[in-house]
Amino acid sequence: MATQSRLLFLDQFRGLAIVLMVLASALGGYEQVPSYLQHAPADGFTLPDIVMPMFLFAMGYAAELSFRRRVEGNGSPKTVSHLLFRNSLLVVFGFLGTLLVENHTWDILQALGTAGLLAIPLLFLPPAVRLTVALLSLVAYQVSISFFFSKTGIEYYLQSGVVGPVGAFSWIFILISGSCLSAWLKEREYAARIIWLAAAGAIMVVAGAVLNLFIPFSKHLGSISYVLLSTGSCAYGVLLFMVISEQFHVSLPPLEAMGRNALFLFMFKSVLVLAEKSILPPNVALPACAMGFGAVMLLTYLTGAVLDRVLNQSEMEIPVRSGCI
């Protein structure tokens, strides 16, 4: 499988995550917007709830592609230093963003960064071993919040919708699943990769649905049912774009441009949404909400397209490119 094709479908996948992120942020909080277009308030699973898992899955998939190359070219110490810097950067950017435009202390960028930091030692392990460790971490986390909830300190972070620092022990499963699938698929033929992704997605979606009967889907708590369902859904998302880019050889420039500049657009989107919320009251009519979303989405895409063209022409590499998320 060519690296170019692999990066193409991964950029498309990340680009879709940006679109859904803008959808959730720009429409969130308005009374007239249907509930399925807003994050589930507590237990449940809605379309926007897949956004953070998509970023985590893409992080893991990309980490596997770059990790071995960096270790072979630069050695383990430099590779670890690079990963520590990139993931710490996510945490720092996240704190700056929450201080400036959010009303809570922990959000998606901090969750991505802490999960990435926790995953660094696991990337040195064989894929089957690292997946086993990540699954055990997820199970241990679920047991902890089920039986020792008051001792975990999660309550303080519930309003953020992404648990808090301890949630990294849950989110790491999504990231590591992406890295393991990337490792297992990179040397396989197209048909085998499709079968692997479909099978992995089915196993996790079914497992999540069954566990939901006992442990409800909850992004706010990072429940095991939610994590498994969202990871399986991400596997199907990657499969979809793999088919689009490799079977049908279709390029999706808008998604690719946004996917290659995901971190910058994540932060830029927050500023745009803050401006939108300052203009439109919570009880505004649905057409006005749609117009607000359209404006934020258009500005996000145009910014991504311009940034992508400038960086490609100058061949610059900066920390806000897609390597972070």
Protein backbone atom coordinates (compact mmCIF):
# COMPACT_ATOMS: atom_id res chain seq x y z
CA MET A 1 0.00 0.00 0.00
CA ALA A 2 1.44 3.33 -1.02
CA THR A 3 2.08 5.89 1.69
CA GLN A 4 0.41 8.56 -0.42
CA SER A 5 -2.85 6.59 -0.58
CA ARG A 6 -2.70 5.86 3.13
CA LEU A 7 -2.25 9.52 4.01
CA LEU A 8 -4.99 10.51 1.57
CA PHE A 9 -7.70 8.45 3.24
CA LEU A 10 -6.45 9.42 6.68
CA ASP A 11 -6.61 13.12 5.74
CA GLN A 12 -10.14 12.58 4.45
CA PHE A 13 -11.10 10.86 7.69
CA ARG A 14 -9.66 13.71 9.77
CA GLY A 15 -11.37 16.23 7.50
CA LEU A 16 -14.73 14.61 8.21
CA ALA A 17 -13.93 14.84 11.93
CA ILE A 18 -13.42 18.59 11.48
CA VAL A 19 -16.79 18.92 9.71
CA LEU A 20 -18.57 17.04 12.49
CA MET A 21 -16.70 19.05 15.12
CA VAL A 22 -17.87 22.31 13.56
CA LEU A 23 -21.40 20.90 13.33
CA ALA A 24 -21.44 20.00 17.03
CA SER A 25 -19.87 23.27 18.20
CA ALA A 26 -21.77 25.67 15.93
CA LEU A 27 -25.17 24.07 16.59
CA GLY A 28 -24.61 23.15 20.22
CA GLY A 29 -26.61 24.96 22.88
CA TYR A 30 -29.42 26.21 20.61
CA GLU A 31 -32.90 25.27 21.76
CA GLN A 32 -34.31 24.65 18.28
CA VAL A 33 -31.55 22.27 17.13
CA PRO A 34 -32.58 18.57 17.25
CA SER A 35 -31.00 16.54 20.04
CA TYR A 36 -29.33 14.11 17.62
CA LEU A 37 -27.20 17.02 16.32
CA GLN A 38 -26.02 17.90 19.83
CA HIS A 39 -23.87 15.98 22.29
CA ALA A 40 -25.81 13.56 24.47
CA PRO A 41 -26.38 15.40 27.78
CA ALA A 42 -25.46 12.35 29.88
CA ASP A 43 -26.00 8.74 28.84
CA GLY A 44 -26.58 8.11 25.15
CA PHE A 45 -24.81 8.41 21.82
CA THR A 46 -25.41 11.05 19.16
CA LEU A 47 -23.60 12.00 15.96
CA PRO A 48 -21.35 14.67 17.57
CA ASP A 49 -20.20 12.14 20.16
CA ILE A 50 -18.05 10.40 17.54
CA VAL A 51 -15.81 13.45 16.96
CA MET A 52 -13.23 12.97 19.72
CA PRO A 53 -12.88 9.22 19.04
CA MET A 54 -12.22 10.04 15.38
CA PHE A 55 -9.32 12.29 16.36
CA LEU A 56 -7.96 9.67 18.77
CA PHE A 57 -8.24 6.90 16.19
CA ALA A 58 -6.51 9.04 13.55
CA MET A 59 -3.77 9.92 16.05
CA GLY A 60 -3.10 6.25 16.65
CA TYR A 61 -3.20 5.31 12.99
CA ALA A 62 -0.78 8.10 12.07
CA ALA A 63 1.47 7.40 15.07
CA GLU A 64 2.12 3.87 13.86
CA LEU A 65 3.04 5.12 10.40
CA SER A 66 5.54 7.67 11.71
CA PHE A 67 6.82 6.00 14.86
CA ARG A 68 8.85 3.20 13.23
CA ARG A 69 10.25 5.60 10.64
CA ARG A 70 11.37 8.06 13.30
CA VAL A 71 12.91 5.33 15.47
CA GLU A 72 14.88 3.97 12.50
CA GLY A 73 15.98 7.41 11.35
CA ASN A 74 16.47 9.33 14.59
CA GLY A 75 16.67 6.68 17.31
CA SER A 76 14.37 6.02 20.25
CA PRO A 77 15.39 8.95 22.53
CA LYS A 78 14.73 11.60 19.87
CA THR A 79 11.50 9.89 18.85
CA VAL A 80 10.23 9.85 22.43
CA SER A 81 11.23 13.50 22.87
CA HIS A 82 9.32 14.39 19.71
CA LEU A 83 6.19 12.58 20.92
CA LEU A 84 6.45 14.15 24.35
CA PHE A 85 6.64 17.58 22.75
CA ARG A 86 3.77 17.04 20.31
CA ASN A 87 1.37 15.63 22.89
CA SER A 88 2.36 18.16 25.55
CA LEU A 89 1.65 20.83 22.95
CA LEU A 90 -1.91 19.54 22.65
CA VAL A 91 -2.36 19.80 26.41
CA VAL A 92 -0.95 23.34 26.49
CA PHE A 93 -3.07 24.50 23.55
CA GLY A 94 -6.08 22.90 25.22
CA PHE A 95 -5.56 24.78 28.47
CA LEU A 96 -5.07 28.05 26.61
CA GLY A 97 -8.28 27.43 24.68
CA THR A 98 -10.34 26.61 27.75
CA LEU A 99 -9.02 29.68 29.54
CA LEU A 100 -9.94 31.92 26.62
CA VAL A 101 -13.18 30.58 25.20
CA GLU A 102 -14.55 27.73 27.33
CA ASN A 103 -16.29 27.56 30.69
CA HIS A 104 -14.52 24.47 32.01
CA THR A 105 -10.97 23.33 32.65
CA TRP A 106 -10.66 20.16 30.59
CA ASP A 107 -11.59 19.61 26.96
CA ILE A 108 -10.78 17.58 23.87
CA LEU A 109 -7.22 18.78 23.27
CA GLN A 110 -6.18 17.96 26.83
CA ALA A 111 -7.83 14.55 26.50
CA LEU A 112 -6.03 13.87 23.22
CA GLY A 113 -2.70 15.00 24.61
CA THR A 114 -2.86 12.99 27.84
CA ALA A 115 -3.94 9.86 25.96
CA GLY A 116 -1.06 10.41 23.54
CA LEU A 117 1.42 10.76 26.39
CA LEU A 118 0.13 7.60 28.04
CA ALA A 119 0.42 5.71 24.74
CA ILE A 120 4.11 6.48 24.11
CA PRO A 121 5.58 3.46 25.94
CA LEU A 122 2.97 1.17 24.40
CA LEU A 123 4.13 2.04 20.89
CA PHE A 124 7.34 0.12 21.59
CA LEU A 125 5.34 -3.07 22.19
CA PRO A 126 4.12 -5.55 19.54
CA PRO A 127 0.59 -4.64 18.36
CA ALA A 128 -1.15 -7.58 20.05
CA VAL A 129 0.53 -6.82 23.38
CA ARG A 130 -0.19 -3.09 23.28
CA LEU A 131 -3.84 -3.74 22.41
CA THR A 132 -4.12 -6.15 25.33
CA VAL A 133 -2.61 -3.57 27.70
CA ALA A 134 -4.97 -0.87 26.38
CA LEU A 135 -7.98 -3.17 26.81
CA LEU A 136 -6.94 -3.99 30.37
CA SER A 137 -6.58 -0.26 31.02
CA LEU A 138 -10.10 0.33 29.70
CA VAL A 139 -11.56 -2.47 31.82
CA ALA A 140 -9.71 -1.27 34.94
CA TYR A 141 -10.97 2.26 34.31
CA GLN A 142 -14.56 1.05 33.97
CA VAL A 143 -14.31 -0.96 37.19
CA SER A 144 -12.92 2.10 38.93
CA ILE A 145 -15.70 4.46 37.91
CA SER A 146 -18.37 1.80 38.54
CA PHE A 147 -17.35 0.93 42.08
CA PHE A 148 -15.12 3.78 43.27
CA PHE A 149 -16.64 6.76 41.47
CA SER A 150 -16.36 9.18 44.38
CA LYS A 151 -12.63 8.46 44.68
CA THR A 152 -11.69 9.22 41.09
CA GLY A 153 -12.28 12.96 41.08
CA ILE A 154 -14.24 12.70 37.83
CA GLU A 155 -17.14 14.77 39.18
CA TYR A 156 -15.13 17.98 38.86
CA TYR A 157 -14.70 17.47 35.10
CA LEU A 158 -18.13 16.13 34.15
CA GLN A 159 -19.30 19.41 32.63
CA SER A 160 -16.55 19.16 29.99
CA GLY A 161 -18.02 15.98 28.53
CA VAL A 162 -14.59 14.30 28.27
CA VAL A 163 -14.10 12.98 31.84
CA GLY A 164 -10.85 14.67 32.90
CA PRO A 165 -7.22 13.52 33.25
CA VAL A 166 -8.14 10.05 34.50
CA GLY A 167 -10.09 9.54 31.29
CA ALA A 168 -6.80 8.94 29.46
CA PHE A 169 -6.96 5.36 30.77
CA SER A 170 -10.17 4.94 28.78
CA TRP A 171 -9.35 7.02 25.69
CA ILE A 172 -6.03 5.21 25.19
CA PHE A 173 -7.92 2.17 23.89
CA ILE A 174 -9.19 4.13 20.89
CA LEU A 175 -5.75 5.51 20.08
CA ILE A 176 -4.00 2.16 20.48
CA SER A 177 -6.68 0.39 18.42
CA GLY A 178 -5.93 2.79 15.57
CA SER A 179 -2.20 2.14 15.88
CA CYS A 180 -2.64 -1.64 15.96
CA LEU A 181 -4.91 -1.71 12.92
CA SER A 182 -2.40 0.49 11.12
CA ALA A 183 0.39 -1.95 11.98
CA TRP A 184 -1.60 -5.00 10.95
CA LEU A 185 -2.85 -3.50 7.69
CA LYS A 186 0.19 -1.74 6.27
CA GLU A 187 1.66 -4.80 4.54
CA ARG A 188 -1.63 -6.34 3.42
CA GLU A 189 -3.36 -6.19 0.07
CA TYR A 190 -6.39 -3.96 -0.42
CA ALA A 191 -9.01 -6.74 -0.09
CA ALA A 192 -7.45 -8.07 3.11
CA ARG A 193 -7.37 -4.59 4.63
CA ILE A 194 -11.06 -4.11 3.91
CA ILE A 195 -11.90 -7.45 5.53
CA TRP A 196 -9.76 -6.68 8.59
CA LEU A 197 -11.35 -3.27 9.09
CA ALA A 198 -14.88 -4.60 8.60
CA ALA A 199 -14.29 -7.47 11.03
CA ALA A 200 -12.63 -5.28 13.67
CA GLY A 201 -15.39 -2.68 13.36
CA ALA A 202 -18.12 -5.31 13.69
CA ILE A 203 -16.56 -6.92 16.76
CA MET A 204 -16.23 -3.64 18.61
CA VAL A 205 -19.62 -2.24 17.59
CA VAL A 206 -21.39 -5.44 18.67
CA ALA A 207 -19.40 -5.60 21.92
CA GLY A 208 -20.27 -1.98 22.67
CA ALA A 209 -23.96 -2.54 21.90
CA VAL A 210 -24.11 -5.60 24.17
CA LEU A 211 -22.31 -3.86 27.02
CA ASN A 212 -24.72 -0.93 26.65
CA LEU A 213 -27.40 -3.20 28.12
CA PHE A 214 -25.47 -3.12 31.40
CA ILE A 215 -23.21 -0.06 31.15
CA PRO A 216 -24.84 2.80 29.19
CA PHE A 217 -23.06 4.70 26.45
CA SER A 218 -21.52 7.77 28.08
CA LYS A 219 -18.98 10.09 26.54
CA HIS A 220 -19.02 12.12 29.76
CA LEU A 221 -17.70 9.11 31.70
CA GLY A 222 -15.76 7.43 28.90
CA SER A 223 -17.72 4.24 29.52
CA ILE A 224 -16.47 0.98 28.04
CA SER A 225 -19.60 0.59 25.91
CA TYR A 226 -19.14 4.07 24.44
CA VAL A 227 -15.43 3.53 23.78
CA LEU A 228 -15.98 0.19 22.01
CA LEU A 229 -18.89 1.45 19.91
CA SER A 230 -17.03 4.60 18.85
CA THR A 231 -13.80 2.71 18.08
CA GLY A 232 -15.68 0.27 15.88
CA SER A 233 -17.44 3.16 14.16
CA CYS A 234 -14.05 4.79 13.48
CA ALA A 235 -12.81 1.56 11.89
CA TYR A 236 -15.76 1.72 9.50
CA GLY A 237 -15.03 5.38 8.82
CA VAL A 238 -11.46 4.58 7.81
CA LEU A 239 -12.76 1.70 5.71
CA LEU A 240 -15.13 4.06 3.89
CA PHE A 241 -12.40 6.51 2.94
CA MET A 242 -10.02 3.70 2.06
CA VAL A 243 -12.58 2.46 -0.46
CA ILE A 244 -13.16 5.99 -1.78
CA SER A 245 -9.48 6.77 -2.25
CA GLU A 246 -8.09 3.37 -3.25
CA GLN A 247 -10.96 1.54 -4.95
CA PHE A 248 -12.57 4.49 -6.71
CA HIS A 249 -9.51 6.81 -6.73
CA VAL A 250 -11.63 9.76 -5.65
CA SER A 251 -9.96 12.81 -4.14
CA LEU A 252 -11.91 14.99 -1.72
CA PRO A 253 -9.87 18.23 -1.59
CA PRO A 254 -12.04 20.06 0.99
CA LEU A 255 -11.76 17.21 3.51
CA GLU A 256 -8.08 16.64 2.72
CA ALA A 257 -7.16 20.30 3.20
CA MET A 258 -8.94 20.43 6.55
CA GLY A 259 -7.56 17.07 7.61
CA ARG A 260 -3.97 18.15 7.01
CA ASN A 261 -4.43 21.20 9.25
CA ALA A 262 -6.66 19.73 11.90
CA LEU A 263 -5.12 21.22 15.03
CA PHE A 264 -5.02 24.79 13.75
CA LEU A 265 -8.61 24.53 12.53
CA PHE A 266 -9.68 23.08 15.86
CA MET A 267 -8.41 26.19 17.64
CA PHE A 268 -9.61 28.58 14.93
CA LYS A 269 -13.06 27.04 15.05
CA SER A 270 -13.33 27.86 18.75
CA VAL A 271 -12.86 31.56 18.02
CA LEU A 272 -15.46 31.48 15.24
CA VAL A 273 -17.99 29.67 17.42
CA LEU A 274 -17.42 32.14 20.24
CA ALA A 275 -18.26 34.96 17.82
CA GLU A 276 -21.33 33.08 16.58
CA LYS A 277 -22.64 32.52 20.11
CA SER A 278 -22.18 36.20 20.92
CA ILE A 279 -24.42 37.12 17.98
CA LEU A 280 -27.15 34.46 18.08
CA PRO A 281 -29.20 33.96 21.28
CA PRO A 282 -29.93 30.38 22.48
CA ASN A 283 -33.61 30.57 21.43
CA VAL A 284 -32.92 31.71 17.86
CA ALA A 285 -34.92 30.03 15.07
CA LEU A 286 -33.52 26.94 13.36
CA PRO A 287 -32.81 28.67 9.99
CA ALA A 288 -30.62 31.20 11.77
CA CYS A 289 -28.77 28.35 13.52
CA ALA A 290 -28.19 26.74 10.14
CA MET A 291 -26.85 30.01 8.75
CA GLY A 292 -24.51 30.35 11.72
CA PHE A 293 -23.21 26.83 11.15
CA GLY A 294 -22.79 27.52 7.45
CA ALA A 295 -20.76 30.65 8.11
CA VAL A 296 -18.48 28.92 10.63
CA MET A 297 -18.04 25.93 8.33
CA LEU A 298 -17.22 28.08 5.30
CA LEU A 299 -14.65 30.16 7.17
CA THR A 300 -13.11 27.01 8.66
CA TYR A 301 -12.77 25.40 5.23
CA LEU A 302 -11.42 28.52 3.53
CA THR A 303 -8.84 28.95 6.27
CA GLY A 304 -7.80 25.31 5.94
CA ALA A 305 -7.56 25.58 2.16
CA VAL A 306 -5.42 28.74 2.29
CA LEU A 307 -3.19 27.32 5.02
CA ASP A 308 -2.79 24.08 3.11
CA ARG A 309 -1.79 25.86 -0.10
CA VAL A 310 0.66 28.17 1.67
CA LEU A 311 2.33 25.36 3.60
CA ASN A 312 2.49 23.07 0.59
CA GLN A 313 4.02 25.76 -1.58
CA SER A 314 6.60 26.73 1.03
CA GLU A 315 7.17 23.10 2.12
CA MET A 316 7.01 24.23 5.74
CA GLU A 317 6.46 21.87 8.65
CA ILE A 318 4.93 23.44 11.73
CA PRO A 319 3.48 21.91 14.90
CA VAL A 320 -0.12 22.65 13.92
CA ARG A 321 -0.07 20.34 10.92
CA SER A 322 -1.93 17.03 10.97
CA GLY A 323 0.76 15.14 12.85
CA CYS A 324 -0.74 16.31 16.15
CA ILE A 325 -4.28 15.18 15.60
